[in-house]
Amino acid sequence: MLDCPPQALAHLYRVGAHPADIDLVLLSHAHSDHIGGVDLLLLGVVSEHGARLRERPLALAGPTGIRARVGELVGPSPRLPRPDDPRVRWFEQEGGASFTWRDVRVECIAVEHAPPLPALGYRIGIAGRTLAYTGDARLTPAIDELARGADLLVVECGGDRERGHLDWDDVRELRSRLPRSTRVLVTHYDHASAPEPSSLPGIELAQDLARYEV
C-alpha cells in the first residue's frame, strides 16, 4: 500500500480486499491525508488477531519519526502495538536507505515536500518490475533518480509548487524526460481543474477504485 489516507480501509473493502491482504505499507510523509488511515488498519491487526500473529506480520515503513506521528493520531489506545510487537514491523528510513520485505525490494529516496518535514519517495522492485512513487514532492533531481528505469511511475500533482507539490507543467516536463517505456500515472490531483487527457500525451490520470497492471 502506497500511503494510507483516511478513506483507505473503505476503499479496500470496495475493491474486495481486506486488511489481512496487506503485507507492506509505505508512508511517504507524516501529513494526515497520507497516514490518517493507519489507525483503522492497525485496529484490524490488533482486534481481529488479538495476541495471535497474523499469518504474516504487517510491515510499515516511512521517514524517521513516522511511528511517533502515527501514535499522535491513534492516541492512548492499544491499537498501536509496542515497537517490539511481532505482529507489526516498523522500518523508519532516511533517503538512500533500502530494505527487503517478503521478496519486495524497497529503495528510499529523500524528496522535497514541506521542509523540515522529512519526505520519501520509493522505488519498489517486485517480480522483475520497478514501481516508483513520488509521494508529495517538488520537481527536483531526486524525482529523476526515483523515476529512472521504472516500469510505472506514480506521480502526484497537487498543483501548488509553494506548498511542495508538482503542477501540470512539471508533470509534462517530467514525462518529456522519461523513456516511452515508463508508464506515468498521476494521482493526488484536483479532478475539477485537471487538463483534458488529450493535452497530456503519455500520461494517465488515476481514478479511484481502478485497477492497473504492471
N, C-alpha and C. Protein backbone atom coordinates (compact mmCIF):
# COMPACT_ATOMS: atom_id res chain seq x y z
N MET A 1 0.85 -1.18 0.00
CA MET A 1 0.00 0.00 0.00
C MET A 1 0.90 1.24 0.00
N LEU A 2 0.63 2.15 -0.94
CA LEU A 2 1.38 3.39 -1.04
C LEU A 2 0.60 4.49 -0.33
N ASP A 3 1.07 4.86 0.86
CA ASP A 3 0.37 5.77 1.76
C ASP A 3 -0.95 5.16 2.20
N CYS A 4 -1.53 5.73 3.25
CA CYS A 4 -2.73 5.15 3.85
C CYS A 4 -3.64 6.28 4.31
N PRO A 5 -4.37 6.92 3.38
CA PRO A 5 -5.23 8.05 3.73
C PRO A 5 -6.45 7.60 4.53
N PRO A 6 -7.23 8.54 5.06
CA PRO A 6 -8.37 8.16 5.90
C PRO A 6 -9.37 7.23 5.22
N GLN A 7 -9.53 7.33 3.90
CA GLN A 7 -10.51 6.51 3.20
C GLN A 7 -9.96 5.15 2.76
N ALA A 8 -8.72 4.83 3.12
CA ALA A 8 -8.07 3.64 2.59
C ALA A 8 -8.83 2.36 2.92
N LEU A 9 -9.25 2.20 4.16
CA LEU A 9 -9.89 0.96 4.57
C LEU A 9 -11.21 0.77 3.83
N ALA A 10 -12.00 1.84 3.72
CA ALA A 10 -13.27 1.74 2.99
C ALA A 10 -13.04 1.35 1.54
N HIS A 11 -12.02 1.93 0.92
CA HIS A 11 -11.73 1.60 -0.48
C HIS A 11 -11.22 0.17 -0.62
N LEU A 12 -10.46 -0.31 0.36
CA LEU A 12 -10.03 -1.70 0.31
C LEU A 12 -11.23 -2.63 0.20
N TYR A 13 -12.20 -2.41 1.08
CA TYR A 13 -13.37 -3.28 1.07
C TYR A 13 -14.17 -3.14 -0.22
N ARG A 14 -14.21 -1.94 -0.78
CA ARG A 14 -14.99 -1.72 -2.01
C ARG A 14 -14.38 -2.45 -3.20
N VAL A 15 -13.08 -2.70 -3.18
CA VAL A 15 -12.47 -3.45 -4.28
C VAL A 15 -12.33 -4.93 -3.93
N GLY A 16 -12.96 -5.35 -2.85
CA GLY A 16 -12.97 -6.76 -2.50
C GLY A 16 -11.73 -7.24 -1.80
N ALA A 17 -10.95 -6.31 -1.22
CA ALA A 17 -9.74 -6.68 -0.49
C ALA A 17 -10.00 -6.58 1.01
N HIS A 18 -8.98 -6.94 1.79
CA HIS A 18 -9.11 -6.98 3.24
C HIS A 18 -7.77 -6.55 3.85
N PRO A 19 -7.78 -5.94 5.03
CA PRO A 19 -6.51 -5.55 5.64
C PRO A 19 -5.51 -6.69 5.75
N ALA A 20 -6.00 -7.92 5.93
CA ALA A 20 -5.09 -9.06 6.04
C ALA A 20 -4.35 -9.34 4.74
N ASP A 21 -4.84 -8.76 3.64
CA ASP A 21 -4.16 -8.93 2.35
C ASP A 21 -2.94 -8.03 2.22
N ILE A 22 -2.82 -7.04 3.10
CA ILE A 22 -1.73 -6.07 3.01
C ILE A 22 -0.52 -6.57 3.79
N ASP A 23 0.62 -6.65 3.11
CA ASP A 23 1.85 -7.07 3.77
C ASP A 23 2.77 -5.89 4.10
N LEU A 24 2.68 -4.82 3.30
CA LEU A 24 3.64 -3.73 3.41
C LEU A 24 2.95 -2.41 3.12
N VAL A 25 3.14 -1.43 4.00
CA VAL A 25 2.60 -0.08 3.81
C VAL A 25 3.79 0.87 3.76
N LEU A 26 3.88 1.66 2.69
CA LEU A 26 4.95 2.64 2.53
C LEU A 26 4.37 4.03 2.72
N LEU A 27 4.75 4.70 3.77
CA LEU A 27 4.23 6.03 4.10
C LEU A 27 5.26 7.06 3.65
N SER A 28 4.83 8.00 2.81
CA SER A 28 5.78 8.95 2.23
C SER A 28 6.15 10.07 3.19
N HIS A 29 5.18 10.52 4.00
CA HIS A 29 5.46 11.59 4.96
C HIS A 29 4.31 11.64 5.96
N ALA A 30 4.41 12.54 6.93
CA ALA A 30 3.54 12.47 8.11
C ALA A 30 2.29 13.33 8.04
N HIS A 31 1.96 13.91 6.89
CA HIS A 31 0.71 14.67 6.80
C HIS A 31 -0.48 13.72 6.92
N SER A 32 -1.54 14.19 7.58
CA SER A 32 -2.64 13.30 7.94
C SER A 32 -3.39 12.75 6.73
N ASP A 33 -3.37 13.46 5.58
CA ASP A 33 -4.06 12.92 4.41
C ASP A 33 -3.31 11.74 3.80
N HIS A 34 -2.11 11.46 4.31
CA HIS A 34 -1.33 10.32 3.83
C HIS A 34 -1.20 9.21 4.87
N ILE A 35 -1.49 9.49 6.13
CA ILE A 35 -1.34 8.46 7.16
C ILE A 35 -2.60 8.29 8.01
N GLY A 36 -3.67 9.04 7.71
CA GLY A 36 -4.85 9.04 8.57
C GLY A 36 -5.59 7.72 8.62
N GLY A 37 -5.32 6.81 7.70
CA GLY A 37 -5.99 5.51 7.72
C GLY A 37 -5.22 4.42 8.44
N VAL A 38 -4.00 4.74 8.90
CA VAL A 38 -3.19 3.72 9.58
C VAL A 38 -3.87 3.26 10.87
N ASP A 39 -4.54 4.17 11.55
CA ASP A 39 -5.23 3.84 12.80
C ASP A 39 -6.16 2.65 12.59
N LEU A 40 -7.06 2.73 11.62
CA LEU A 40 -8.02 1.65 11.40
C LEU A 40 -7.36 0.40 10.83
N LEU A 41 -6.29 0.58 10.05
CA LEU A 41 -5.56 -0.58 9.55
C LEU A 41 -4.96 -1.36 10.72
N LEU A 42 -4.38 -0.64 11.68
CA LEU A 42 -3.83 -1.30 12.86
C LEU A 42 -4.91 -1.91 13.74
N LEU A 43 -6.09 -1.29 13.74
CA LEU A 43 -7.19 -1.84 14.52
C LEU A 43 -7.51 -3.25 14.04
N GLY A 44 -7.46 -3.45 12.74
CA GLY A 44 -7.70 -4.79 12.21
C GLY A 44 -6.65 -5.78 12.68
N VAL A 45 -5.40 -5.34 12.73
CA VAL A 45 -4.32 -6.22 13.18
C VAL A 45 -4.52 -6.60 14.65
N VAL A 46 -4.89 -5.62 15.46
CA VAL A 46 -4.99 -5.86 16.90
C VAL A 46 -6.30 -6.55 17.27
N SER A 47 -7.45 -6.06 16.76
CA SER A 47 -8.73 -6.59 17.21
C SER A 47 -9.04 -7.95 16.60
N GLU A 48 -8.67 -8.16 15.34
CA GLU A 48 -9.01 -9.43 14.70
C GLU A 48 -8.05 -10.54 15.07
N HIS A 49 -6.83 -10.17 15.47
CA HIS A 49 -5.83 -11.19 15.75
C HIS A 49 -5.44 -11.24 17.23
N GLY A 50 -5.86 -10.23 18.00
CA GLY A 50 -5.54 -10.24 19.41
C GLY A 50 -4.05 -10.44 19.63
N ALA A 51 -3.71 -11.36 20.52
CA ALA A 51 -2.30 -11.63 20.79
C ALA A 51 -1.70 -12.57 19.74
N ARG A 52 -2.55 -13.10 18.84
CA ARG A 52 -2.04 -14.00 17.82
C ARG A 52 -1.34 -13.22 16.71
N LEU A 53 -0.42 -13.87 16.05
CA LEU A 53 0.17 -13.31 14.85
C LEU A 53 -0.80 -13.42 13.69
N ARG A 54 -0.81 -12.44 12.83
CA ARG A 54 -1.41 -12.66 11.53
C ARG A 54 -0.65 -13.80 10.87
N GLU A 55 -1.15 -14.27 9.76
CA GLU A 55 -0.39 -15.27 9.02
C GLU A 55 0.99 -14.71 8.66
N ARG A 56 1.03 -13.39 8.40
CA ARG A 56 2.29 -12.69 8.12
C ARG A 56 2.27 -11.39 8.90
N PRO A 57 3.37 -10.99 9.51
CA PRO A 57 3.40 -9.68 10.16
C PRO A 57 3.17 -8.56 9.15
N LEU A 58 2.62 -7.47 9.61
CA LEU A 58 2.42 -6.29 8.77
C LEU A 58 3.63 -5.38 8.92
N ALA A 59 4.21 -4.96 7.80
CA ALA A 59 5.35 -4.05 7.82
C ALA A 59 4.89 -2.65 7.43
N LEU A 60 5.34 -1.66 8.18
CA LEU A 60 5.07 -0.26 7.86
C LEU A 60 6.41 0.47 7.78
N ALA A 61 6.59 1.25 6.71
CA ALA A 61 7.84 1.99 6.52
C ALA A 61 7.51 3.46 6.29
N GLY A 62 8.45 4.31 6.68
CA GLY A 62 8.27 5.74 6.48
C GLY A 62 9.50 6.48 6.96
N PRO A 63 9.48 7.80 6.84
CA PRO A 63 10.64 8.58 7.31
C PRO A 63 10.84 8.45 8.81
N THR A 64 12.01 8.82 9.25
CA THR A 64 12.32 8.80 10.68
C THR A 64 11.26 9.57 11.47
N GLY A 65 10.77 8.97 12.53
CA GLY A 65 9.75 9.59 13.37
C GLY A 65 8.33 9.24 13.00
N ILE A 66 8.13 8.41 11.97
CA ILE A 66 6.77 8.15 11.49
C ILE A 66 5.93 7.38 12.51
N ARG A 67 6.55 6.47 13.27
CA ARG A 67 5.76 5.73 14.25
C ARG A 67 5.23 6.65 15.34
N ALA A 68 6.06 7.59 15.80
CA ALA A 68 5.61 8.53 16.82
C ALA A 68 4.46 9.39 16.29
N ARG A 69 4.54 9.77 15.02
CA ARG A 69 3.47 10.58 14.42
C ARG A 69 2.18 9.78 14.33
N VAL A 70 2.27 8.51 13.95
CA VAL A 70 1.08 7.65 13.94
C VAL A 70 0.52 7.54 15.35
N GLY A 71 1.39 7.47 16.34
CA GLY A 71 0.94 7.40 17.73
C GLY A 71 0.14 8.62 18.13
N GLU A 72 0.50 9.79 17.59
CA GLU A 72 -0.27 11.00 17.89
C GLU A 72 -1.69 10.89 17.35
N LEU A 73 -1.84 10.26 16.19
CA LEU A 73 -3.17 10.10 15.60
C LEU A 73 -3.99 9.05 16.35
N VAL A 74 -3.34 7.96 16.74
CA VAL A 74 -4.04 6.88 17.43
C VAL A 74 -4.44 7.30 18.84
N GLY A 75 -3.57 8.06 19.51
CA GLY A 75 -3.85 8.48 20.88
C GLY A 75 -3.63 7.35 21.87
N PRO A 76 -4.15 7.49 23.09
CA PRO A 76 -3.92 6.49 24.14
C PRO A 76 -4.77 5.25 23.93
N SER A 77 -4.39 4.47 22.95
CA SER A 77 -5.17 3.29 22.58
C SER A 77 -4.21 2.14 22.31
N PRO A 78 -4.63 0.92 22.62
CA PRO A 78 -3.77 -0.25 22.33
C PRO A 78 -3.72 -0.59 20.84
N ARG A 79 -4.40 0.22 20.00
CA ARG A 79 -4.36 -0.06 18.57
C ARG A 79 -2.96 0.09 17.99
N LEU A 80 -2.10 0.88 18.65
CA LEU A 80 -0.72 0.99 18.20
C LEU A 80 0.12 0.03 19.03
N PRO A 81 0.46 -1.14 18.47
CA PRO A 81 1.24 -2.11 19.25
C PRO A 81 2.61 -1.54 19.64
N ARG A 82 3.18 -2.09 20.67
CA ARG A 82 4.51 -1.68 21.10
C ARG A 82 5.51 -1.92 19.99
N PRO A 83 6.65 -1.18 20.01
CA PRO A 83 7.64 -1.33 18.94
C PRO A 83 8.14 -2.76 18.76
N ASP A 84 8.16 -3.55 19.84
CA ASP A 84 8.67 -4.92 19.74
C ASP A 84 7.56 -5.94 19.50
N ASP A 85 6.33 -5.49 19.21
CA ASP A 85 5.23 -6.42 18.97
C ASP A 85 5.49 -7.18 17.67
N PRO A 86 5.46 -8.52 17.68
CA PRO A 86 5.80 -9.28 16.48
C PRO A 86 4.75 -9.19 15.37
N ARG A 87 3.58 -8.64 15.67
CA ARG A 87 2.56 -8.54 14.63
C ARG A 87 2.84 -7.42 13.64
N VAL A 88 3.65 -6.44 14.06
CA VAL A 88 3.91 -5.27 13.22
C VAL A 88 5.41 -5.01 13.22
N ARG A 89 5.95 -4.77 12.04
CA ARG A 89 7.37 -4.45 11.90
C ARG A 89 7.48 -3.04 11.31
N TRP A 90 8.26 -2.19 11.97
CA TRP A 90 8.44 -0.81 11.52
C TRP A 90 9.81 -0.65 10.88
N PHE A 91 9.85 0.06 9.74
CA PHE A 91 11.09 0.44 9.09
C PHE A 91 11.11 1.97 9.00
N GLU A 92 11.82 2.62 9.90
CA GLU A 92 11.97 4.08 9.81
C GLU A 92 13.25 4.35 9.03
N GLN A 93 13.11 5.07 7.90
CA GLN A 93 14.18 5.15 6.92
C GLN A 93 14.57 6.60 6.62
N GLU A 94 15.79 6.75 6.11
CA GLU A 94 16.25 8.02 5.57
C GLU A 94 16.53 7.82 4.09
N GLY A 95 16.65 8.93 3.36
CA GLY A 95 16.99 8.85 1.96
C GLY A 95 18.29 8.10 1.75
N GLY A 96 18.31 7.23 0.75
CA GLY A 96 19.48 6.43 0.48
C GLY A 96 19.44 5.04 1.11
N ALA A 97 18.50 4.82 2.02
CA ALA A 97 18.37 3.51 2.66
C ALA A 97 17.56 2.57 1.78
N SER A 98 17.65 1.30 2.07
CA SER A 98 16.86 0.29 1.35
C SER A 98 16.62 -0.88 2.28
N PHE A 99 15.60 -1.65 1.97
CA PHE A 99 15.32 -2.85 2.75
C PHE A 99 14.51 -3.81 1.88
N THR A 100 14.40 -5.05 2.33
CA THR A 100 13.63 -6.07 1.63
C THR A 100 12.61 -6.66 2.58
N TRP A 101 11.40 -6.82 2.08
CA TRP A 101 10.33 -7.42 2.88
C TRP A 101 9.54 -8.37 1.99
N ARG A 102 9.55 -9.64 2.33
CA ARG A 102 8.82 -10.66 1.58
C ARG A 102 9.10 -10.56 0.07
N ASP A 103 10.35 -10.57 -0.28
CA ASP A 103 10.81 -10.56 -1.67
C ASP A 103 10.52 -9.25 -2.40
N VAL A 104 10.13 -8.23 -1.68
CA VAL A 104 9.94 -6.90 -2.27
C VAL A 104 11.12 -6.03 -1.85
N ARG A 105 11.82 -5.49 -2.82
CA ARG A 105 12.97 -4.63 -2.56
C ARG A 105 12.51 -3.18 -2.60
N VAL A 106 12.79 -2.42 -1.55
CA VAL A 106 12.35 -1.03 -1.44
C VAL A 106 13.57 -0.12 -1.30
N GLU A 107 13.69 0.84 -2.21
CA GLU A 107 14.71 1.88 -2.11
C GLU A 107 14.02 3.18 -1.70
N CYS A 108 14.60 3.88 -0.74
CA CYS A 108 14.03 5.10 -0.20
C CYS A 108 14.82 6.30 -0.71
N ILE A 109 14.14 7.25 -1.31
CA ILE A 109 14.79 8.43 -1.87
C ILE A 109 14.19 9.67 -1.23
N ALA A 110 15.05 10.49 -0.62
CA ALA A 110 14.57 11.72 0.01
C ALA A 110 14.08 12.69 -1.06
N VAL A 111 12.87 13.20 -0.88
CA VAL A 111 12.30 14.20 -1.78
C VAL A 111 11.98 15.45 -0.98
N GLU A 112 11.73 16.53 -1.69
CA GLU A 112 11.46 17.81 -1.03
C GLU A 112 9.97 18.12 -1.11
N HIS A 113 9.34 18.17 0.05
CA HIS A 113 7.90 18.47 0.09
C HIS A 113 7.64 19.72 0.93
N ALA A 114 7.73 19.60 2.23
CA ALA A 114 7.43 20.72 3.12
C ALA A 114 8.47 20.74 4.24
N PRO A 115 9.71 21.12 3.90
CA PRO A 115 10.76 21.14 4.93
C PRO A 115 10.32 21.96 6.14
N PRO A 116 10.73 21.55 7.35
CA PRO A 116 11.68 20.48 7.66
C PRO A 116 11.06 19.09 7.79
N LEU A 117 9.82 18.92 7.36
CA LEU A 117 9.17 17.61 7.42
C LEU A 117 9.88 16.65 6.48
N PRO A 118 10.42 15.53 6.97
CA PRO A 118 11.08 14.58 6.06
C PRO A 118 10.05 13.88 5.18
N ALA A 119 10.42 13.66 3.93
CA ALA A 119 9.53 13.00 2.98
C ALA A 119 10.35 12.05 2.12
N LEU A 120 9.74 10.94 1.77
CA LEU A 120 10.41 9.91 0.97
C LEU A 120 9.59 9.56 -0.26
N GLY A 121 10.29 9.33 -1.36
CA GLY A 121 9.72 8.62 -2.48
C GLY A 121 10.28 7.21 -2.46
N TYR A 122 9.64 6.30 -3.18
CA TYR A 122 10.03 4.89 -3.11
C TYR A 122 10.20 4.28 -4.50
N ARG A 123 11.22 3.44 -4.64
CA ARG A 123 11.37 2.56 -5.78
C ARG A 123 11.15 1.14 -5.27
N ILE A 124 10.17 0.46 -5.82
CA ILE A 124 9.77 -0.85 -5.33
C ILE A 124 10.05 -1.88 -6.42
N GLY A 125 10.89 -2.84 -6.11
CA GLY A 125 11.20 -3.91 -7.05
C GLY A 125 10.47 -5.17 -6.67
N ILE A 126 9.64 -5.66 -7.59
CA ILE A 126 8.85 -6.85 -7.31
C ILE A 126 8.64 -7.63 -8.60
N ALA A 127 8.98 -8.91 -8.56
CA ALA A 127 8.78 -9.80 -9.70
C ALA A 127 9.41 -9.26 -10.98
N GLY A 128 10.60 -8.67 -10.84
CA GLY A 128 11.32 -8.19 -12.01
C GLY A 128 10.85 -6.86 -12.56
N ARG A 129 9.91 -6.22 -11.90
CA ARG A 129 9.39 -4.91 -12.33
C ARG A 129 9.73 -3.86 -11.28
N THR A 130 9.74 -2.60 -11.73
CA THR A 130 10.03 -1.50 -10.82
C THR A 130 8.87 -0.50 -10.83
N LEU A 131 8.31 -0.29 -9.66
CA LEU A 131 7.27 0.71 -9.44
C LEU A 131 7.89 1.85 -8.66
N ALA A 132 7.72 3.07 -9.14
CA ALA A 132 8.25 4.25 -8.44
C ALA A 132 7.09 5.12 -7.99
N TYR A 133 7.23 5.70 -6.81
CA TYR A 133 6.17 6.52 -6.20
C TYR A 133 6.80 7.77 -5.61
N THR A 134 6.32 8.93 -6.05
CA THR A 134 6.93 10.18 -5.59
C THR A 134 6.45 10.61 -4.22
N GLY A 135 5.25 10.20 -3.78
CA GLY A 135 4.64 10.88 -2.65
C GLY A 135 4.42 12.33 -3.05
N ASP A 136 4.27 13.22 -2.09
CA ASP A 136 4.15 14.65 -2.37
C ASP A 136 5.55 15.22 -2.49
N ALA A 137 5.83 15.95 -3.58
CA ALA A 137 7.20 16.40 -3.79
C ALA A 137 7.28 17.48 -4.84
N ARG A 138 8.24 18.39 -4.68
CA ARG A 138 8.60 19.32 -5.74
C ARG A 138 9.39 18.57 -6.81
N LEU A 139 9.43 19.16 -8.01
CA LEU A 139 10.24 18.58 -9.09
C LEU A 139 11.70 18.97 -8.86
N THR A 140 12.49 18.02 -8.42
CA THR A 140 13.91 18.20 -8.16
C THR A 140 14.64 17.02 -8.80
N PRO A 141 15.98 17.05 -8.84
CA PRO A 141 16.71 15.90 -9.39
C PRO A 141 16.38 14.58 -8.70
N ALA A 142 15.92 14.63 -7.46
CA ALA A 142 15.55 13.40 -6.76
C ALA A 142 14.42 12.67 -7.48
N ILE A 143 13.53 13.41 -8.12
CA ILE A 143 12.41 12.78 -8.83
C ILE A 143 12.93 12.04 -10.06
N ASP A 144 13.92 12.61 -10.74
CA ASP A 144 14.52 11.91 -11.88
C ASP A 144 15.20 10.63 -11.42
N GLU A 145 15.89 10.70 -10.28
CA GLU A 145 16.52 9.49 -9.72
C GLU A 145 15.47 8.44 -9.40
N LEU A 146 14.37 8.89 -8.83
CA LEU A 146 13.28 8.00 -8.46
C LEU A 146 12.70 7.30 -9.68
N ALA A 147 12.53 8.06 -10.77
CA ALA A 147 11.85 7.54 -11.96
C ALA A 147 12.74 6.71 -12.86
N ARG A 148 14.04 6.75 -12.65
CA ARG A 148 14.98 6.11 -13.56
C ARG A 148 14.68 4.63 -13.74
N GLY A 149 14.40 4.25 -14.99
CA GLY A 149 14.19 2.84 -15.32
C GLY A 149 12.92 2.23 -14.78
N ALA A 150 12.01 3.05 -14.26
CA ALA A 150 10.77 2.50 -13.69
C ALA A 150 9.83 2.01 -14.79
N ASP A 151 9.15 0.92 -14.52
CA ASP A 151 8.10 0.46 -15.43
C ASP A 151 6.84 1.30 -15.26
N LEU A 152 6.56 1.68 -14.03
CA LEU A 152 5.42 2.55 -13.72
C LEU A 152 5.86 3.59 -12.72
N LEU A 153 5.60 4.85 -13.03
CA LEU A 153 5.85 5.96 -12.11
C LEU A 153 4.51 6.53 -11.67
N VAL A 154 4.24 6.46 -10.38
CA VAL A 154 3.04 7.08 -9.81
C VAL A 154 3.49 8.43 -9.26
N VAL A 155 2.99 9.50 -9.86
CA VAL A 155 3.47 10.84 -9.55
C VAL A 155 2.31 11.71 -9.08
N GLU A 156 2.55 12.52 -8.09
CA GLU A 156 1.49 13.39 -7.59
C GLU A 156 1.46 14.70 -8.37
N CYS A 157 0.29 15.36 -8.32
CA CYS A 157 0.17 16.67 -8.94
C CYS A 157 -0.75 17.53 -8.09
N GLY A 158 -0.24 17.90 -6.91
CA GLY A 158 -1.03 18.75 -6.02
C GLY A 158 -1.21 20.15 -6.55
N GLY A 159 -0.36 20.56 -7.49
CA GLY A 159 -0.57 21.80 -8.23
C GLY A 159 -0.05 23.07 -7.59
N ASP A 160 0.53 22.99 -6.41
CA ASP A 160 0.98 24.19 -5.71
C ASP A 160 2.46 24.05 -5.38
N ARG A 161 3.32 24.63 -6.21
CA ARG A 161 4.75 24.49 -6.00
C ARG A 161 5.19 25.06 -4.66
N GLU A 162 4.57 26.18 -4.25
CA GLU A 162 4.98 26.80 -2.99
C GLU A 162 4.71 25.90 -1.79
N ARG A 163 3.76 25.01 -1.92
CA ARG A 163 3.45 24.07 -0.83
C ARG A 163 4.12 22.71 -1.05
N GLY A 164 5.05 22.67 -1.99
CA GLY A 164 5.84 21.45 -2.17
C GLY A 164 5.21 20.39 -3.03
N HIS A 165 4.51 20.81 -4.08
CA HIS A 165 3.88 19.86 -4.99
C HIS A 165 4.33 20.10 -6.43
N LEU A 166 4.12 19.09 -7.28
CA LEU A 166 4.27 19.28 -8.71
C LEU A 166 3.00 19.93 -9.25
N ASP A 167 3.16 20.70 -10.34
CA ASP A 167 1.99 21.16 -11.08
C ASP A 167 1.98 20.47 -12.43
N TRP A 168 0.97 20.78 -13.26
CA TRP A 168 0.82 20.05 -14.52
C TRP A 168 1.98 20.30 -15.47
N ASP A 169 2.55 21.51 -15.46
CA ASP A 169 3.71 21.77 -16.30
C ASP A 169 4.90 20.90 -15.85
N ASP A 170 5.03 20.71 -14.54
CA ASP A 170 6.09 19.85 -14.03
C ASP A 170 5.89 18.41 -14.50
N VAL A 171 4.65 17.95 -14.45
CA VAL A 171 4.37 16.57 -14.87
C VAL A 171 4.69 16.39 -16.35
N ARG A 172 4.29 17.38 -17.17
CA ARG A 172 4.61 17.30 -18.60
C ARG A 172 6.12 17.30 -18.83
N GLU A 173 6.83 18.16 -18.11
CA GLU A 173 8.28 18.22 -18.26
C GLU A 173 8.91 16.89 -17.87
N LEU A 174 8.46 16.33 -16.76
CA LEU A 174 8.99 15.05 -16.31
C LEU A 174 8.72 13.97 -17.36
N ARG A 175 7.52 13.94 -17.89
CA ARG A 175 7.18 12.96 -18.92
C ARG A 175 8.11 13.08 -20.11
N SER A 176 8.46 14.30 -20.49
CA SER A 176 9.31 14.51 -21.67
C SER A 176 10.72 13.98 -21.46
N ARG A 177 11.15 13.82 -20.20
CA ARG A 177 12.49 13.36 -19.90
C ARG A 177 12.56 11.85 -19.72
N LEU A 178 11.43 11.20 -19.71
CA LEU A 178 11.40 9.76 -19.45
C LEU A 178 11.24 8.98 -20.74
N PRO A 179 11.76 7.76 -20.78
CA PRO A 179 11.55 6.92 -21.97
C PRO A 179 10.09 6.53 -22.10
N ARG A 180 9.69 6.23 -23.32
CA ARG A 180 8.29 5.85 -23.57
C ARG A 180 7.91 4.59 -22.80
N SER A 181 8.92 3.78 -22.46
CA SER A 181 8.65 2.53 -21.76
C SER A 181 8.18 2.75 -20.32
N THR A 182 8.41 3.95 -19.78
CA THR A 182 7.94 4.26 -18.42
C THR A 182 6.52 4.79 -18.48
N ARG A 183 5.63 4.07 -17.85
CA ARG A 183 4.23 4.48 -17.79
C ARG A 183 4.08 5.49 -16.66
N VAL A 184 3.38 6.59 -16.91
CA VAL A 184 3.23 7.66 -15.92
C VAL A 184 1.76 7.76 -15.51
N LEU A 185 1.51 7.57 -14.23
CA LEU A 185 0.16 7.61 -13.68
C LEU A 185 0.10 8.73 -12.65
N VAL A 186 -0.79 9.70 -12.85
CA VAL A 186 -0.87 10.88 -11.98
C VAL A 186 -1.95 10.68 -10.93
N THR A 187 -1.60 10.98 -9.69
CA THR A 187 -2.55 10.90 -8.59
C THR A 187 -2.49 12.20 -7.78
N HIS A 188 -3.34 12.29 -6.74
CA HIS A 188 -3.33 13.45 -5.84
C HIS A 188 -3.57 14.75 -6.62
N TYR A 189 -4.52 14.73 -7.54
CA TYR A 189 -4.81 15.91 -8.35
C TYR A 189 -6.27 16.34 -8.16
N ASP A 190 -6.56 17.56 -8.53
CA ASP A 190 -7.91 18.11 -8.44
C ASP A 190 -8.67 17.75 -9.71
N HIS A 191 -9.66 16.89 -9.59
CA HIS A 191 -10.42 16.45 -10.77
C HIS A 191 -11.09 17.63 -11.47
N ALA A 192 -11.52 18.62 -10.71
CA ALA A 192 -12.26 19.73 -11.31
C ALA A 192 -11.38 20.60 -12.21
N SER A 193 -10.08 20.66 -11.91
CA SER A 193 -9.21 21.54 -12.69
C SER A 193 -8.20 20.78 -13.54
N ALA A 194 -8.32 19.46 -13.59
CA ALA A 194 -7.36 18.67 -14.37
C ALA A 194 -7.50 18.98 -15.85
N PRO A 195 -6.39 19.02 -16.59
CA PRO A 195 -6.47 19.25 -18.04
C PRO A 195 -7.19 18.11 -18.75
N GLU A 196 -7.62 18.37 -19.97
CA GLU A 196 -8.19 17.32 -20.78
C GLU A 196 -7.11 16.26 -21.05
N PRO A 197 -7.48 14.98 -20.97
CA PRO A 197 -6.48 13.93 -21.22
C PRO A 197 -5.77 14.09 -22.56
N SER A 198 -6.45 14.65 -23.55
CA SER A 198 -5.83 14.81 -24.87
C SER A 198 -4.63 15.76 -24.83
N SER A 199 -4.57 16.61 -23.80
CA SER A 199 -3.44 17.54 -23.67
C SER A 199 -2.31 16.96 -22.84
N LEU A 200 -2.44 15.68 -22.48
CA LEU A 200 -1.44 15.03 -21.63
C LEU A 200 -0.96 13.74 -22.31
N PRO A 201 -0.32 13.84 -23.45
CA PRO A 201 0.12 12.62 -24.14
C PRO A 201 1.10 11.82 -23.30
N GLY A 202 0.87 10.51 -23.25
CA GLY A 202 1.75 9.63 -22.49
C GLY A 202 1.56 9.69 -21.00
N ILE A 203 0.46 10.31 -20.56
CA ILE A 203 0.18 10.48 -19.13
C ILE A 203 -1.22 9.97 -18.85
N GLU A 204 -1.36 9.16 -17.81
CA GLU A 204 -2.67 8.65 -17.40
C GLU A 204 -3.09 9.30 -16.09
N LEU A 205 -4.39 9.54 -15.96
CA LEU A 205 -4.93 10.11 -14.73
C LEU A 205 -5.54 8.99 -13.89
N ALA A 206 -5.01 8.80 -12.69
CA ALA A 206 -5.51 7.73 -11.82
C ALA A 206 -6.95 8.00 -11.42
N GLN A 207 -7.72 6.94 -11.32
CA GLN A 207 -9.12 7.02 -10.90
C GLN A 207 -9.33 6.17 -9.66
N ASP A 208 -10.17 6.65 -8.75
CA ASP A 208 -10.47 5.89 -7.55
C ASP A 208 -11.04 4.52 -7.92
N LEU A 209 -10.57 3.49 -7.21
CA LEU A 209 -11.05 2.11 -7.31
C LEU A 209 -10.66 1.43 -8.62
N ALA A 210 -9.89 2.10 -9.48
CA ALA A 210 -9.45 1.47 -10.73
C ALA A 210 -8.32 0.49 -10.44
N ARG A 211 -8.09 -0.40 -11.38
CA ARG A 211 -7.02 -1.40 -11.26
C ARG A 211 -6.02 -1.18 -12.38
N TYR A 212 -4.74 -1.29 -12.06
CA TYR A 212 -3.67 -1.08 -13.03
C TYR A 212 -2.70 -2.24 -12.93
N GLU A 213 -2.36 -2.83 -14.07
CA GLU A 213 -1.43 -3.93 -14.09
C GLU A 213 -0.06 -3.44 -14.56
N VAL A 214 0.98 -3.93 -13.93
CA VAL A 214 2.35 -3.57 -14.29
C VAL A 214 3.04 -4.84 -14.81
